[in-house]
């Protein structure tokens, strides 16, 4: 299918980050013009399902209905919203990476906010007491290690255990046009990878929720009462431009496109630019210069508190051109940078941290790099696992897919 994307900027929500609230028109080969409409904006489909329900919402700053947040939209529409559940970075998306978030109360609506990135990851039975429905509406970026899908899975599990319905208001996946990477070995299951899926799964959160439910991946194989409100006029070939930054350290589309490949560096001694104005767009180290670009991480409240190498000058590479000329043209995981940096180090012992295996979801990737395997050899080793996953994935797709 020939698709031309035209991004219409309607307002500026995050100056200096992503464009503000936007609509995306798709011109198809037959000349028809269609507009992507996210699940939250399809109120005609789900408002009738909210009548006379006591509701909680799992949400953050990305949950917009036009120019209004979903919580505010439902609140002023008279629905019985009882509480908000906040994921990593918090309800308003202002907490730093990895920062524990406390329970609280939303000053705008007065609603209680229950943190799912503080003392607990999963709602307790008392958190769901009296609820009929939990709505999930968060913009994801399509990687296994981005924690919003783990939060969703735990909330689904709690809803199933406590007889509460669960609804996903779906949104496009900006990295939904490819599937790649090692499939997680469940021996390495963690909050940055719960299920046996590849590093890049190529699914929207609605499709992912259907798969978790349908494959019996919730505890004891239970299933929740799931409803997905789909995106209108979306397919997996669309390079969707996010209207709101999904988290503080993914401030623009360059970072979002680089993130699937660069996140592996988080399990090494290399900085990915946390604490700079361009996180996940640079890589470097204070002592080992593989490039001439210099940056100095600093503590940035709401993005990176005490990032690696705070106050130290790191030397390495700016990857904006790499994103434009390589990553956007070759839509798969790129290991060349990771392998190059590992090969550059004379003392390789401290290069990988214990966190690397959690991000990789397996111990095999580290072993392959240490053994001197080429990127092609490593990628070839993924293919059987990817083929098996794609057969599972196909059962739960809601939108046309041309990534096979």
Protein backbone atom coordinates (compact mmCIF):
# COMPACT_ATOMS: atom_id res chain seq x y z
CA UNK A 1 0.00 0.00 0.00
CA UNK A 2 1.32 3.48 -0.87
CA UNK A 3 0.91 5.77 2.10
CA UNK A 4 1.82 9.45 2.36
CA UNK A 5 1.77 10.99 5.81
CA UNK A 6 0.91 14.63 6.35
CA UNK A 7 1.31 15.90 9.90
CA UNK A 8 -1.02 18.76 10.74
CA UNK A 9 0.13 20.76 13.74
CA UNK A 10 -2.86 22.10 15.65
CA UNK A 11 -1.14 23.46 18.77
CA UNK A 12 2.11 23.22 20.74
CA UNK A 13 1.91 21.13 23.90
CA UNK A 14 5.60 20.55 24.61
CA UNK A 15 7.77 23.34 23.15
CA UNK A 16 11.15 22.03 22.08
CA UNK A 17 9.99 18.43 22.22
CA UNK A 18 7.33 16.93 20.02
CA UNK A 19 4.76 18.80 18.03
CA UNK A 20 1.62 19.54 19.96
CA UNK A 21 -1.72 17.86 19.53
CA UNK A 22 -1.84 16.64 15.95
CA UNK A 23 -3.96 14.81 13.46
CA UNK A 24 -2.45 12.56 10.80
CA UNK A 25 -4.02 12.27 7.35
CA UNK A 26 -3.35 9.20 5.21
CA UNK A 27 -3.60 9.50 1.46
CA UNK A 28 -4.06 5.99 0.06
CA UNK A 29 -3.15 4.86 -3.43
CA UNK A 30 -6.79 5.16 -4.50
CA UNK A 31 -6.76 8.84 -3.59
CA UNK A 32 -8.98 8.54 -0.53
CA UNK A 33 -8.07 10.73 2.43
CA UNK A 34 -8.44 9.29 5.91
CA UNK A 35 -7.49 10.57 9.32
CA UNK A 36 -6.07 8.54 12.19
CA UNK A 37 -8.30 8.78 15.24
CA UNK A 38 -6.96 7.30 18.47
CA UNK A 39 -9.16 5.18 20.71
CA UNK A 40 -9.62 7.90 23.33
CA UNK A 41 -11.08 10.22 20.69
CA UNK A 42 -13.69 7.66 19.59
CA UNK A 43 -16.03 8.62 22.40
CA UNK A 44 -19.07 7.39 20.47
CA UNK A 45 -17.75 3.84 20.89
CA UNK A 46 -16.96 3.80 24.59
CA UNK A 47 -18.96 6.54 26.32
CA UNK A 48 -22.08 4.32 26.30
CA UNK A 49 -20.03 1.58 28.01
CA UNK A 50 -19.16 3.91 30.91
CA UNK A 51 -22.71 4.73 31.95
CA UNK A 52 -23.46 3.86 35.59
CA UNK A 53 -19.93 2.46 36.07
CA UNK A 54 -17.50 3.25 38.85
CA UNK A 55 -14.25 3.82 36.99
CA UNK A 56 -10.49 4.07 37.53
CA UNK A 57 -7.99 5.15 34.88
CA UNK A 58 -4.40 4.05 34.26
CA UNK A 59 -2.95 7.06 32.52
CA UNK A 60 -0.24 9.67 32.15
CA UNK A 61 0.41 12.92 30.26
CA UNK A 62 -0.02 11.24 26.84
CA UNK A 63 -3.69 10.48 27.37
CA UNK A 64 -5.21 13.31 25.37
CA UNK A 65 -8.64 13.60 23.80
CA UNK A 66 -8.01 16.39 21.34
CA UNK A 67 -6.47 19.08 23.53
CA UNK A 68 -7.98 17.84 26.80
CA UNK A 69 -6.69 15.09 29.07
CA UNK A 70 -8.85 11.96 29.24
CA UNK A 71 -9.33 12.30 33.00
CA UNK A 72 -10.59 15.86 32.58
CA UNK A 73 -12.75 14.82 29.62
CA UNK A 74 -14.48 12.04 31.56
CA UNK A 75 -14.67 14.11 34.72
CA UNK A 76 -16.47 17.03 33.08
CA UNK A 77 -18.67 14.61 31.11
CA UNK A 78 -20.14 13.45 34.40
CA UNK A 79 -18.75 9.92 34.57
CA UNK A 80 -18.05 8.41 37.98
CA UNK A 81 -14.25 8.51 38.07
CA UNK A 82 -13.06 7.20 41.44
CA UNK A 83 -9.25 7.22 41.11
CA UNK A 84 -6.22 7.36 38.85
CA UNK A 85 -3.41 4.81 38.66
CA UNK A 86 -0.04 6.31 37.74
CA UNK A 87 2.75 4.36 35.94
CA UNK A 88 6.50 5.03 35.82
CA UNK A 89 7.09 8.82 35.61
CA UNK A 90 3.75 9.42 37.36
CA UNK A 91 0.28 10.54 36.35
CA UNK A 92 1.45 13.86 34.92
CA UNK A 93 4.68 12.36 33.54
CA UNK A 94 6.97 14.57 35.60
CA UNK A 95 8.93 12.00 37.63
CA UNK A 96 12.47 11.06 36.60
CA UNK A 97 13.47 7.71 35.14
CA UNK A 98 13.43 5.04 37.84
CA UNK A 99 12.22 7.53 40.48
CA UNK A 100 9.79 6.01 42.95
CA UNK A 101 6.45 7.79 42.86
CA UNK A 102 4.28 8.15 45.96
CA UNK A 103 0.51 7.99 46.17
CA UNK A 104 -1.18 11.37 46.22
CA UNK A 105 -4.10 13.44 45.06
CA UNK A 106 -4.48 15.23 41.73
CA UNK A 107 -4.68 18.97 42.53
CA UNK A 108 -6.76 19.69 39.42
CA UNK A 109 -9.59 17.18 39.93
CA UNK A 110 -9.08 16.16 43.56
CA UNK A 111 -8.98 12.50 42.53
CA UNK A 112 -6.80 10.10 44.53
CA UNK A 113 -3.74 8.94 42.56
CA UNK A 114 -2.45 5.44 43.31
CA UNK A 115 1.15 4.94 42.22
CA UNK A 116 2.08 1.75 40.38
CA UNK A 117 5.74 2.72 40.40
CA UNK A 118 6.42 3.09 44.08
CA UNK A 119 5.69 0.63 46.85
CA UNK A 120 3.91 -1.68 44.39
CA UNK A 121 3.63 -2.48 40.70
CA UNK A 122 0.21 -4.15 40.85
CA UNK A 123 -3.04 -2.78 42.33
CA UNK A 124 -4.08 -4.37 45.60
CA UNK A 125 -7.62 -5.75 46.03
CA UNK A 126 -8.49 -2.73 48.17
CA UNK A 127 -7.38 -0.42 45.33
CA UNK A 128 -10.02 -2.02 43.11
CA UNK A 129 -12.74 -2.27 45.74
CA UNK A 130 -16.04 -0.90 44.43
CA UNK A 131 -14.80 -0.46 40.86
CA UNK A 132 -16.63 -1.79 37.82
CA UNK A 133 -14.07 -0.83 35.18
CA UNK A 134 -10.42 0.17 34.79
CA UNK A 135 -9.47 2.10 31.64
CA UNK A 136 -5.90 2.02 30.28
CA UNK A 137 -4.83 4.88 28.02
CA UNK A 138 -1.06 5.42 27.69
CA UNK A 139 1.07 6.03 24.61
CA UNK A 140 3.66 3.25 24.22
CA UNK A 141 6.74 3.09 21.96
CA UNK A 142 6.68 -0.60 21.07
CA UNK A 143 9.58 -2.12 22.98
CA UNK A 144 9.54 -4.90 25.56
CA UNK A 145 11.63 -2.93 28.06
CA UNK A 146 9.43 0.19 28.06
CA UNK A 147 7.55 -0.41 31.30
CA UNK A 148 4.03 0.73 30.41
CA UNK A 149 3.10 -2.68 28.98
CA UNK A 150 4.30 -4.34 32.20
CA UNK A 151 2.09 -1.99 34.19
CA UNK A 152 -0.82 -2.83 31.90
CA UNK A 153 -0.23 -6.56 32.37
CA UNK A 154 -0.20 -6.29 36.16
CA UNK A 155 -3.39 -4.20 36.14
CA UNK A 156 -5.07 -6.74 33.84
CA UNK A 157 -4.08 -9.48 36.26
CA UNK A 158 -5.46 -7.59 39.26
CA UNK A 159 -8.71 -6.89 37.39
CA UNK A 160 -9.07 -10.58 36.50
CA UNK A 161 -8.51 -11.60 40.11
CA UNK A 162 -11.04 -9.09 41.43
CA UNK A 163 -13.78 -9.36 38.79
CA UNK A 164 -13.25 -5.85 37.40
CA UNK A 165 -13.57 -5.19 33.66
CA UNK A 166 -10.60 -3.75 31.76
CA UNK A 167 -10.68 -1.43 28.74
CA UNK A 168 -7.82 -0.28 26.51
CA UNK A 169 -8.16 2.93 24.54
CA UNK A 170 -5.69 2.07 21.82
CA UNK A 171 -3.02 4.30 20.28
CA UNK A 172 -0.62 3.76 17.35
CA UNK A 173 2.85 2.29 17.88
CA UNK A 174 5.59 4.57 16.44
CA UNK A 175 7.83 1.50 16.11
CA UNK A 176 5.01 -0.79 15.03
CA UNK A 177 6.28 -1.37 11.49
CA UNK A 178 8.81 -4.08 12.43
CA UNK A 179 9.36 -7.00 14.79
CA UNK A 180 12.91 -7.78 15.89
CA UNK A 181 15.33 -8.82 18.58
CA UNK A 182 15.83 -11.76 20.92
CA UNK A 183 12.66 -13.29 22.34
CA UNK A 184 12.64 -13.12 26.13
CA UNK A 185 13.59 -16.26 28.03
CA UNK A 186 11.12 -16.33 30.93
CA UNK A 187 14.01 -17.12 33.29
CA UNK A 188 14.91 -13.44 32.80
CA UNK A 189 11.39 -12.10 33.33
CA UNK A 190 11.34 -8.72 35.11
CA UNK A 191 9.50 -5.41 35.05
CA UNK A 192 11.50 -4.48 31.92
CA UNK A 193 10.31 -7.66 30.23
CA UNK A 194 7.51 -9.85 31.58
CA UNK A 195 6.55 -12.03 28.64
CA UNK A 196 8.18 -14.16 25.90
CA UNK A 197 8.17 -11.46 23.23
CA UNK A 198 11.02 -9.94 21.20
CA UNK A 199 12.66 -6.64 22.12
CA UNK A 200 10.52 -4.93 19.45
CA UNK A 201 7.09 -6.57 19.31
CA UNK A 202 5.35 -4.54 16.58
CA UNK A 203 2.01 -4.29 18.40
CA UNK A 204 -0.18 -1.56 19.80
CA UNK A 205 -1.06 -1.79 23.49
CA UNK A 206 -4.53 -2.99 22.52
CA UNK A 207 -3.12 -5.81 20.43
CA UNK A 208 -0.60 -6.62 23.16
CA UNK A 209 -3.37 -6.78 25.78
CA UNK A 210 -5.30 -9.23 23.61
CA UNK A 211 -2.20 -11.41 23.29
CA UNK A 212 -1.43 -11.41 27.03
CA UNK A 213 -5.04 -12.35 27.74
CA UNK A 214 -5.42 -14.88 24.94
CA UNK A 215 -2.11 -16.66 25.50
CA UNK A 216 -2.78 -17.13 29.22
CA UNK A 217 0.24 -15.06 30.27
CA UNK A 218 -1.48 -13.63 33.34
CA UNK A 219 -0.83 -15.48 36.60
CA UNK A 220 -2.37 -18.96 36.67
CA UNK A 221 -3.61 -18.44 33.10
CA UNK A 222 -6.52 -16.27 34.20
CA UNK A 223 -8.16 -13.83 31.79
CA UNK A 224 -9.68 -10.43 32.37
CA UNK A 225 -12.88 -9.11 30.80
CA UNK A 226 -11.15 -7.09 28.07
CA UNK A 227 -12.49 -4.46 25.68
CA UNK A 228 -10.26 -2.66 23.17
CA UNK A 229 -11.37 0.58 21.53
CA UNK A 230 -9.31 0.51 18.31
CA UNK A 231 -7.57 3.30 16.43
CA UNK A 232 -9.41 4.32 13.28
CA UNK A 233 -7.56 4.27 9.93
CA UNK A 234 -4.26 3.00 11.36
CA UNK A 235 -2.06 0.23 9.97
CA UNK A 236 1.39 -1.07 10.86
CA UNK A 237 3.10 0.69 7.96
CA UNK A 238 2.33 4.13 9.41
CA UNK A 239 5.27 6.07 10.91
CA UNK A 240 3.07 7.78 13.47
CA UNK A 241 4.40 11.05 14.89
CA UNK A 242 3.64 11.23 18.61
CA UNK A 243 1.86 14.44 19.61
CA UNK A 244 3.11 14.31 23.24
CA UNK A 245 6.45 13.04 24.57
CA UNK A 246 5.82 9.57 26.07
CA UNK A 247 8.39 10.03 28.86
CA UNK A 248 10.94 12.68 29.90
CA UNK A 249 13.92 10.96 28.26
CA UNK A 250 12.21 10.37 24.91
CA UNK A 251 11.58 14.02 24.04
CA UNK A 252 11.33 13.73 20.24
CA UNK A 253 10.91 11.28 17.39
CA UNK A 254 14.68 10.91 16.89
CA UNK A 255 14.98 9.51 20.42
CA UNK A 256 11.91 7.30 19.94
CA UNK A 257 13.33 5.74 16.76
CA UNK A 258 16.78 5.23 18.30
CA UNK A 259 15.47 3.89 21.61
CA UNK A 260 14.94 0.23 20.58
CA UNK A 261 18.62 -0.11 19.67
CA UNK A 262 20.15 2.28 22.22
CA UNK A 263 18.34 0.92 25.26
CA UNK A 264 20.77 -2.02 25.36
CA UNK A 265 23.49 0.51 26.23
CA UNK A 266 21.66 1.08 29.53
CA UNK A 267 23.09 -2.28 30.58
CA UNK A 268 26.65 -1.16 29.86
CA UNK A 269 29.06 1.51 31.13
CA UNK A 270 28.22 3.75 28.14
CA UNK A 271 26.04 6.85 28.64
CA UNK A 272 23.03 7.37 26.36
CA UNK A 273 22.85 11.05 27.21
CA UNK A 274 20.57 10.99 30.23
CA UNK A 275 20.94 14.34 31.92
CA UNK A 276 21.44 16.22 28.65
CA UNK A 277 19.13 18.04 26.24
CA UNK A 278 19.37 15.07 23.85
CA UNK A 279 18.81 11.80 25.76
CA UNK A 280 18.84 8.63 23.64
CA UNK A 281 20.37 10.63 20.80
CA UNK A 282 24.04 10.43 21.84
CA UNK A 283 26.39 7.84 23.31
CA UNK A 284 29.71 8.32 25.04
CA UNK A 285 32.01 7.74 28.00
CA UNK A 286 34.40 9.96 30.00
CA UNK A 287 37.50 7.82 29.52
CA UNK A 288 37.07 6.08 26.18
CA UNK A 289 36.55 8.38 23.22
CA UNK A 290 35.06 6.63 20.21
CA UNK A 291 34.12 9.88 18.51
CA UNK A 292 34.60 13.61 18.95
CA UNK A 293 31.18 14.68 20.20
CA UNK A 294 31.26 15.87 23.84
CA UNK A 295 28.47 16.17 26.40
CA UNK A 296 28.28 16.59 30.16
CA UNK A 297 25.37 14.93 31.98
CA UNK A 298 23.73 16.97 34.72
CA UNK A 299 20.93 16.34 37.17
CA UNK A 300 17.64 17.28 35.50
CA UNK A 301 14.61 17.13 37.83
CA UNK A 302 11.74 15.36 36.12
CA UNK A 303 14.03 13.62 33.63
CA UNK A 304 17.30 12.35 35.10
CA UNK A 305 18.28 12.77 38.73
CA UNK A 306 21.97 12.00 39.18
CA UNK A 307 22.51 10.39 35.77
CA UNK A 308 25.58 8.29 34.99
CA UNK A 309 28.76 10.43 34.83
CA UNK A 310 27.02 13.48 36.26
CA UNK A 311 29.33 16.47 35.89
CA UNK A 312 31.88 14.54 33.80
CA UNK A 313 32.57 15.27 30.15
CA UNK A 314 31.73 12.26 27.98
CA UNK A 315 33.13 11.76 24.49
CA UNK A 316 31.37 9.83 21.78
CA UNK A 317 28.87 10.38 19.02
CA UNK A 318 25.77 12.36 18.21
CA UNK A 319 23.35 10.00 16.47
CA UNK A 320 20.89 12.35 14.80
CA UNK A 321 22.36 11.62 11.36
CA UNK A 322 22.54 7.91 12.17
CA UNK A 323 18.82 7.97 12.99
CA UNK A 324 17.92 9.76 9.77
CA UNK A 325 20.14 7.82 7.36
CA UNK A 326 20.30 4.36 8.90
CA UNK A 327 17.60 3.64 11.50
CA UNK A 328 14.72 5.21 9.58
CA UNK A 329 15.75 3.53 6.33
CA UNK A 330 16.54 0.10 7.75
CA UNK A 331 13.72 -0.70 10.12
CA UNK A 332 15.23 -3.29 12.45
CA UNK A 333 17.37 -3.39 15.57
CA UNK A 334 20.90 -2.13 15.01
CA UNK A 335 23.72 -3.76 16.96
CA UNK A 336 26.67 -2.25 15.11
CA UNK A 337 27.20 0.53 17.63
CA UNK A 338 26.97 -1.83 20.61
CA UNK A 339 29.44 -4.26 19.06
CA UNK A 340 31.81 -1.44 18.03
CA UNK A 341 31.91 0.05 21.51
CA UNK A 342 32.51 -3.34 23.10
CA UNK A 343 35.32 -4.10 20.64
CA UNK A 344 36.92 -0.69 21.30
CA UNK A 345 37.41 -1.34 25.01
CA UNK A 346 40.73 -2.99 25.88
CA UNK A 347 39.56 -4.01 29.37
CA UNK A 348 36.19 -5.53 28.53
CA UNK A 349 35.39 -6.96 31.96
CA UNK A 350 33.32 -4.02 33.27
CA UNK A 351 31.59 -3.21 29.96
CA UNK A 352 28.36 -5.10 30.67
CA UNK A 353 26.41 -4.65 33.90
CA UNK A 354 23.99 -7.15 35.43
CA UNK A 355 21.13 -5.09 34.00
CA UNK A 356 22.09 -5.99 30.42
CA UNK A 357 20.66 -9.51 30.62
CA UNK A 358 17.34 -8.15 31.89
CA UNK A 359 17.14 -5.74 28.96
CA UNK A 360 18.15 -8.42 26.48
CA UNK A 361 15.78 -10.92 28.10
CA UNK A 362 18.42 -13.59 27.71
CA UNK A 363 22.07 -14.25 28.51
CA UNK A 364 22.76 -15.24 24.90
CA UNK A 365 23.19 -11.73 23.44
CA UNK A 366 25.98 -10.81 25.85
CA UNK A 367 27.67 -14.15 25.25
CA UNK A 368 27.49 -13.66 21.48
CA UNK A 369 29.04 -10.19 21.63
CA UNK A 370 31.78 -11.38 23.98
CA UNK A 371 32.48 -14.29 21.61
CA UNK A 372 33.01 -11.89 18.70
CA UNK A 373 29.90 -12.84 16.73
CA UNK A 374 28.98 -10.50 13.88
CA UNK A 375 25.70 -8.60 13.79
CA UNK A 376 24.50 -10.90 11.02
CA UNK A 377 25.34 -14.02 13.01
CA UNK A 378 23.50 -12.64 16.03
CA UNK A 379 20.49 -11.59 13.99
CA UNK A 380 20.37 -15.02 12.29
CA UNK A 381 20.14 -16.65 15.73
CA UNK A 382 16.91 -14.76 16.44
CA UNK A 383 14.98 -15.92 13.39
CA UNK A 384 13.36 -19.12 14.68
CA UNK A 385 12.15 -17.35 17.81
CA UNK A 386 10.85 -14.42 15.79
CA UNK A 387 9.00 -16.69 13.38
CA UNK A 388 7.29 -18.44 16.30
CA UNK A 389 6.36 -15.12 17.91
CA UNK A 390 4.98 -13.71 14.66
CA UNK A 391 2.60 -16.67 14.39
CA UNK A 392 1.30 -15.86 17.88
CA UNK A 393 1.20 -12.12 17.18
CA UNK A 394 -0.83 -12.57 13.99
CA UNK A 395 -3.78 -13.95 15.96
CA UNK A 396 -4.19 -10.70 17.89
CA UNK A 397 -3.54 -8.00 15.31
CA UNK A 398 -6.29 -5.40 14.95
CA UNK A 399 -4.70 -3.49 12.06
CA UNK A 400 -3.27 -4.41 8.63
CA UNK A 401 0.34 -5.53 8.80
CA UNK A 402 2.96 -5.70 6.03
CA UNK A 403 6.01 -6.52 8.20
CA UNK A 404 6.19 -10.25 7.35
